[in-house]
Amino acid sequence: MSEAGAACLESASDGMRAPQIIEAIVAGGCEVTAEKPEASLNTALKRRAKSHRDVAHVGRGVWKHTSKLTEREMAAQEHKERTLRGMEKARERGTRMGAPTKLDQNVAAELFRKGYSVAQVAKECGVAKSAVYKYFNNEAVRKLHEEGRRRADDNAPRPSFRVVENGQ
């Protein structure tokens, strides 16, 4: 499908979206048998863009043949590729992408052991409940609550005397 799509893009004067490319492929006499032809075409063109570099995704579902790219689009495409290569190298070095997490999982777990609810933990840690659920599902919260109760029972003061009944 990528061969036919690339040929279709090469003959087009401007960029095309997946439905237009599929129509042109069918009009050219090819049969499209994919269950989801648009998704299949987009996947095939993405692979072709990486391997052959003769097609480019120029945004919002629009594909162009690289010979038809304007100077601005080529610069944007090169910038995107450099950025993605840099991000890949950073991941290989172990760098974490994105904003730092606000929720300290150890603090949240300790609060659950003390019997705090999800809403209370979220408020105490300054995050949304959804952020708490991202790290702790209902089962994990239940286990931490039980662990906290067991720990409280283990640390409960024990009487240092023996109870004697009926004068024994």
C-alpha atoms as a PDB file:
ATOM      1  CA  MET A   1       0.000   0.000   0.000  1.00  0.00           C
ATOM      2  CA  SER A   2       2.920   2.347   0.681  1.00  0.00           C
ATOM      3  CA  GLU A   3       4.168   2.003  -2.937  1.00  0.00           C
ATOM      4  CA  ALA A   4       0.787   2.965  -4.361  1.00  0.00           C
ATOM      5  CA  GLY A   5       0.382   5.762  -1.806  1.00  0.00           C
ATOM      6  CA  ALA A   6       3.823   7.194  -2.576  1.00  0.00           C
ATOM      7  CA  ALA A   7       3.130   7.062  -6.314  1.00  0.00           C
ATOM      8  CA  CYS A   8      -0.184   8.816  -5.770  1.00  0.00           C
ATOM      9  CA  LEU A   9       1.496  11.548  -3.711  1.00  0.00           C
ATOM     10  CA  GLU A  10       4.193  12.018  -6.322  1.00  0.00           C
ATOM     11  CA  SER A  11       1.616  12.763  -8.997  1.00  0.00           C
ATOM     12  CA  ALA A  12      -0.372  15.129  -6.734  1.00  0.00           C
ATOM     13  CA  SER A  13       0.450  18.817  -6.847  1.00  0.00           C
ATOM     14  CA  ASP A  14      -0.429  19.359  -3.184  1.00  0.00           C
ATOM     15  CA  GLY A  15      -0.657  17.291   0.003  1.00  0.00           C
ATOM     16  CA  MET A  16      -3.348  14.685   0.395  1.00  0.00           C
ATOM     17  CA  ARG A  17      -5.192  13.084   3.297  1.00  0.00           C
ATOM     18  CA  ALA A  18      -5.595   9.308   3.682  1.00  0.00           C
ATOM     19  CA  PRO A  19      -9.166   9.144   2.260  1.00  0.00           C
ATOM     20  CA  GLN A  20      -8.084  11.047  -0.864  1.00  0.00           C
ATOM     21  CA  ILE A  21      -5.062   8.777  -1.328  1.00  0.00           C
ATOM     22  CA  ILE A  22      -7.242   5.669  -0.940  1.00  0.00           C
ATOM     23  CA  GLU A  23      -9.717   7.026  -3.530  1.00  0.00           C
ATOM     24  CA  ALA A  24      -6.848   7.627  -5.950  1.00  0.00           C
ATOM     25  CA  ILE A  25      -5.443   4.127  -5.334  1.00  0.00           C
ATOM     26  CA  VAL A  26      -8.855   2.549  -5.977  1.00  0.00           C
ATOM     27  CA  ALA A  27      -9.376   4.754  -9.071  1.00  0.00           C
ATOM     28  CA  GLY A  28      -5.981   3.547 -10.316  1.00  0.00           C
ATOM     29  CA  GLY A  29      -7.275  -0.013 -10.328  1.00  0.00           C
ATOM     30  CA  CYS A  30      -5.867  -1.317  -7.029  1.00  0.00           C
ATOM     31  CA  GLU A  31      -8.044  -3.187  -4.567  1.00  0.00           C
ATOM     32  CA  VAL A  32      -8.017  -2.105  -0.917  1.00  0.00           C
ATOM     33  CA  THR A  33      -8.710  -5.092   1.336  1.00  0.00           C
ATOM     34  CA  ALA A  34      -7.715  -3.680   4.727  1.00  0.00           C
ATOM     35  CA  GLU A  35     -10.343  -3.673   7.464  1.00  0.00           C
ATOM     36  CA  LYS A  36      -9.383  -0.083   8.377  1.00  0.00           C
ATOM     37  CA  PRO A  37      -7.809   1.280   5.193  1.00  0.00           C
ATOM     38  CA  GLU A  38      -7.046   4.779   6.505  1.00  0.00           C
ATOM     39  CA  ALA A  39      -5.188   3.465   9.546  1.00  0.00           C
ATOM     40  CA  SER A  40      -3.344   0.913   7.387  1.00  0.00           C
ATOM     41  CA  LEU A  41      -2.340   3.579   4.880  1.00  0.00           C
ATOM     42  CA  ASN A  42      -1.123   5.953   7.601  1.00  0.00           C
ATOM     43  CA  THR A  43       0.959   3.157   9.153  1.00  0.00           C
ATOM     44  CA  ALA A  44       2.393   2.176   5.778  1.00  0.00           C
ATOM     45  CA  LEU A  45       3.272   5.783   4.917  1.00  0.00           C
ATOM     46  CA  LYS A  46       4.915   6.318   8.331  1.00  0.00           C
ATOM     47  CA  ARG A  47       7.100   3.264   7.732  1.00  0.00           C
ATOM     48  CA  ARG A  48       7.909   4.451   4.217  1.00  0.00           C
ATOM     49  CA  ALA A  49       8.776   7.930   5.480  1.00  0.00           C
ATOM     50  CA  LYS A  50      11.350   6.355   7.820  1.00  0.00           C
ATOM     51  CA  SER A  51      12.828   3.893   5.356  1.00  0.00           C
ATOM     52  CA  HIS A  52      12.680   5.668   1.972  1.00  0.00           C
ATOM     53  CA  ARG A  53      12.315   9.299   3.083  1.00  0.00           C
ATOM     54  CA  ASP A  54      10.325  10.079  -0.072  1.00  0.00           C
ATOM     55  CA  VAL A  55       7.036  10.910   1.694  1.00  0.00           C
ATOM     56  CA  ALA A  56       6.455  13.242   4.625  1.00  0.00           C
ATOM     57  CA  HIS A  57       3.651  13.803   7.114  1.00  0.00           C
ATOM     58  CA  VAL A  58       3.195  17.564   7.071  1.00  0.00           C
ATOM     59  CA  GLY A  59       0.553  17.765   9.791  1.00  0.00           C
ATOM     60  CA  ARG A  60      -3.130  17.199  10.484  1.00  0.00           C
ATOM     61  CA  GLY A  61      -3.244  13.983   8.489  1.00  0.00           C
ATOM     62  CA  VAL A  62      -1.767  15.515   5.343  1.00  0.00           C
ATOM     63  CA  TRP A  63       0.934  13.602   3.447  1.00  0.00           C
ATOM     64  CA  LYS A  64       3.187  14.970   0.705  1.00  0.00           C
ATOM     65  CA  HIS A  65       5.881  13.621  -1.555  1.00  0.00           C
ATOM     66  CA  THR A  66       9.212  15.122  -0.469  1.00  0.00           C
ATOM     67  CA  SER A  67       9.832  16.519  -3.940  1.00  0.00           C
ATOM     68  CA  LYS A  68       6.701  18.665  -3.448  1.00  0.00           C
ATOM     69  CA  LEU A  69       7.651  20.074  -0.029  1.00  0.00           C
ATOM     70  CA  THR A  70       8.143  23.801   0.319  1.00  0.00           C
ATOM     71  CA  GLU A  71      11.297  25.122   1.940  1.00  0.00           C
ATOM     72  CA  ARG A  72       9.400  25.881   5.147  1.00  0.00           C
ATOM     73  CA  GLU A  73       7.882  22.390   5.298  1.00  0.00           C
ATOM     74  CA  MET A  74      11.293  20.808   4.692  1.00  0.00           C
ATOM     75  CA  ALA A  75      12.793  22.866   7.525  1.00  0.00           C
ATOM     76  CA  ALA A  76       9.956  21.843   9.829  1.00  0.00           C
ATOM     77  CA  GLN A  77      10.396  18.187   8.831  1.00  0.00           C
ATOM     78  CA  GLU A  78      14.143  18.317   9.510  1.00  0.00           C
ATOM     79  CA  HIS A  79      13.532  20.045  12.858  1.00  0.00           C
ATOM     80  CA  LYS A  80      11.054  17.324  13.842  1.00  0.00           C
ATOM     81  CA  GLU A  81      13.503  14.571  12.891  1.00  0.00           C
ATOM     82  CA  ARG A  82      16.389  16.205  14.819  1.00  0.00           C
ATOM     83  CA  THR A  83      14.184  16.644  17.868  1.00  0.00           C
ATOM     84  CA  LEU A  84      13.035  13.020  17.790  1.00  0.00           C
ATOM     85  CA  ARG A  85      16.630  11.777  17.375  1.00  0.00           C
ATOM     86  CA  GLY A  86      17.710  13.908  20.333  1.00  0.00           C
ATOM     87  CA  MET A  87      14.864  12.606  22.468  1.00  0.00           C
ATOM     88  CA  GLU A  88      15.764   9.020  21.551  1.00  0.00           C
ATOM     89  CA  LYS A  89      19.402   9.569  22.517  1.00  0.00           C
ATOM     90  CA  ALA A  90      18.325  11.144  25.796  1.00  0.00           C
ATOM     91  CA  ARG A  91      16.117   8.123  26.575  1.00  0.00           C
ATOM     92  CA  GLU A  92      19.052   5.804  25.839  1.00  0.00           C
ATOM     93  CA  ARG A  93      21.097   7.753  28.399  1.00  0.00           C
ATOM     94  CA  GLY A  94      18.278   7.221  30.895  1.00  0.00           C
ATOM     95  CA  THR A  95      16.908  10.750  30.902  1.00  0.00           C
ATOM     96  CA  ARG A  96      13.263  10.946  31.886  1.00  0.00           C
ATOM     97  CA  MET A  97      11.088  13.063  29.591  1.00  0.00           C
ATOM     98  CA  GLY A  98       8.276  15.312  30.786  1.00  0.00           C
ATOM     99  CA  ALA A  99       7.483  17.207  33.938  1.00  0.00           C
ATOM    100  CA  PRO A 100       8.628  15.804  37.277  1.00  0.00           C
ATOM    101  CA  THR A 101       6.006  13.937  39.282  1.00  0.00           C
ATOM    102  CA  LYS A 102       4.404  15.840  42.121  1.00  0.00           C
ATOM    103  CA  LEU A 103       3.292  12.788  44.056  1.00  0.00           C
ATOM    104  CA  ASP A 104       5.867  11.165  46.331  1.00  0.00           C
ATOM    105  CA  GLN A 105       4.751   7.538  46.326  1.00  0.00           C
ATOM    106  CA  ASN A 106       6.448   6.743  49.638  1.00  0.00           C
ATOM    107  CA  VAL A 107       4.649   9.598  51.411  1.00  0.00           C
ATOM    108  CA  ALA A 108       1.330   8.574  49.842  1.00  0.00           C
ATOM    109  CA  ALA A 109       1.829   4.925  50.857  1.00  0.00           C
ATOM    110  CA  GLU A 110       2.563   5.959  54.440  1.00  0.00           C
ATOM    111  CA  LEU A 111      -0.599   8.073  54.523  1.00  0.00           C
ATOM    112  CA  PHE A 112      -2.621   5.098  53.262  1.00  0.00           C
ATOM    113  CA  ARG A 113      -1.097   2.960  56.031  1.00  0.00           C
ATOM    114  CA  LYS A 114      -2.345   5.579  58.515  1.00  0.00           C
ATOM    115  CA  GLY A 115      -5.857   5.072  57.127  1.00  0.00           C
ATOM    116  CA  TYR A 116      -6.171   8.129  54.885  1.00  0.00           C
ATOM    117  CA  SER A 117      -8.646   7.940  51.990  1.00  0.00           C
ATOM    118  CA  VAL A 118      -7.643   8.636  48.384  1.00  0.00           C
ATOM    119  CA  ALA A 119      -9.201  12.102  48.572  1.00  0.00           C
ATOM    120  CA  GLN A 120      -7.318  12.876  51.800  1.00  0.00           C
ATOM    121  CA  VAL A 121      -4.010  11.657  50.336  1.00  0.00           C
ATOM    122  CA  ALA A 122      -4.583  13.751  47.216  1.00  0.00           C
ATOM    123  CA  LYS A 123      -5.322  16.851  49.291  1.00  0.00           C
ATOM    124  CA  GLU A 124      -2.365  16.243  51.602  1.00  0.00           C
ATOM    125  CA  CYS A 125       0.048  15.754  48.683  1.00  0.00           C
ATOM    126  CA  GLY A 126      -1.399  18.621  46.622  1.00  0.00           C
ATOM    127  CA  VAL A 127      -2.423  16.538  43.612  1.00  0.00           C
ATOM    128  CA  ALA A 128      -5.661  15.391  41.980  1.00  0.00           C
ATOM    129  CA  LYS A 129      -7.270  12.088  42.927  1.00  0.00           C
ATOM    130  CA  SER A 130      -6.538  10.847  39.405  1.00  0.00           C
ATOM    131  CA  ALA A 131      -2.812  11.318  40.074  1.00  0.00           C
ATOM    132  CA  VAL A 132      -3.107   9.137  43.180  1.00  0.00           C
ATOM    133  CA  TYR A 133      -4.999   6.470  41.208  1.00  0.00           C
ATOM    134  CA  LYS A 134      -2.252   6.568  38.570  1.00  0.00           C
ATOM    135  CA  TYR A 135       0.099   4.950  41.100  1.00  0.00           C
ATOM    136  CA  PHE A 136      -2.312   3.192  43.487  1.00  0.00           C
ATOM    137  CA  ASN A 137      -5.348   1.209  42.337  1.00  0.00           C
ATOM    138  CA  ASN A 138      -8.129   0.241  44.772  1.00  0.00           C
ATOM    139  CA  GLU A 139      -6.463  -3.093  45.559  1.00  0.00           C
ATOM    140  CA  ALA A 140      -3.170  -1.403  46.465  1.00  0.00           C
ATOM    141  CA  VAL A 141      -4.960   1.114  48.713  1.00  0.00           C
ATOM    142  CA  ARG A 142      -6.824  -1.726  50.459  1.00  0.00           C
ATOM    143  CA  LYS A 143      -3.567  -3.637  51.047  1.00  0.00           C
ATOM    144  CA  LEU A 144      -1.844  -0.544  52.445  1.00  0.00           C
ATOM    145  CA  HIS A 145      -4.792   0.106  54.788  1.00  0.00           C
ATOM    146  CA  GLU A 146      -4.613  -3.511  56.019  1.00  0.00           C
ATOM    147  CA  GLU A 147      -0.846  -3.240  56.449  1.00  0.00           C
ATOM    148  CA  GLY A 148      -1.326  -0.100  58.513  1.00  0.00           C
ATOM    149  CA  ARG A 149      -3.913  -1.806  60.739  1.00  0.00           C
ATOM    150  CA  ARG A 150      -1.610  -4.808  61.268  1.00  0.00           C
ATOM    151  CA  ARG A 151       1.279  -2.518  62.117  1.00  0.00           C
ATOM    152  CA  ALA A 152      -0.928  -0.602  64.578  1.00  0.00           C
ATOM    153  CA  ASP A 153      -2.004  -3.898  66.202  1.00  0.00           C
ATOM    154  CA  ASP A 154       1.622  -5.046  66.467  1.00  0.00           C
ATOM    155  CA  ASN A 155       2.624  -1.776  68.113  1.00  0.00           C
ATOM    156  CA  ALA A 156      -0.330  -1.670  70.524  1.00  0.00           C
ATOM    157  CA  PRO A 157       0.735  -1.722  74.167  1.00  0.00           C
ATOM    158  CA  ARG A 158       0.489  -5.157  75.793  1.00  0.00           C
ATOM    159  CA  PRO A 159      -0.431  -5.555  79.431  1.00  0.00           C
ATOM    160  CA  SER A 160       2.575  -6.403  81.556  1.00  0.00           C
ATOM    161  CA  PHE A 161       0.562  -8.363  84.079  1.00  0.00           C
ATOM    162  CA  ARG A 162      -1.263 -11.647  84.025  1.00  0.00           C
ATOM    163  CA  VAL A 163      -5.005 -11.820  84.644  1.00  0.00           C
ATOM    164  CA  VAL A 164      -5.854 -14.331  87.362  1.00  0.00           C
ATOM    165  CA  GLU A 165      -9.378 -15.620  87.762  1.00  0.00           C
ATOM    166  CA  ASN A 166     -10.912 -17.304  90.832  1.00  0.00           C
ATOM    167  CA  GLY A 167      -7.842 -16.905  92.971  1.00  0.00           C
ATOM    168  CA  GLN A 168      -5.533 -19.052  90.879  1.00  0.00           C
END
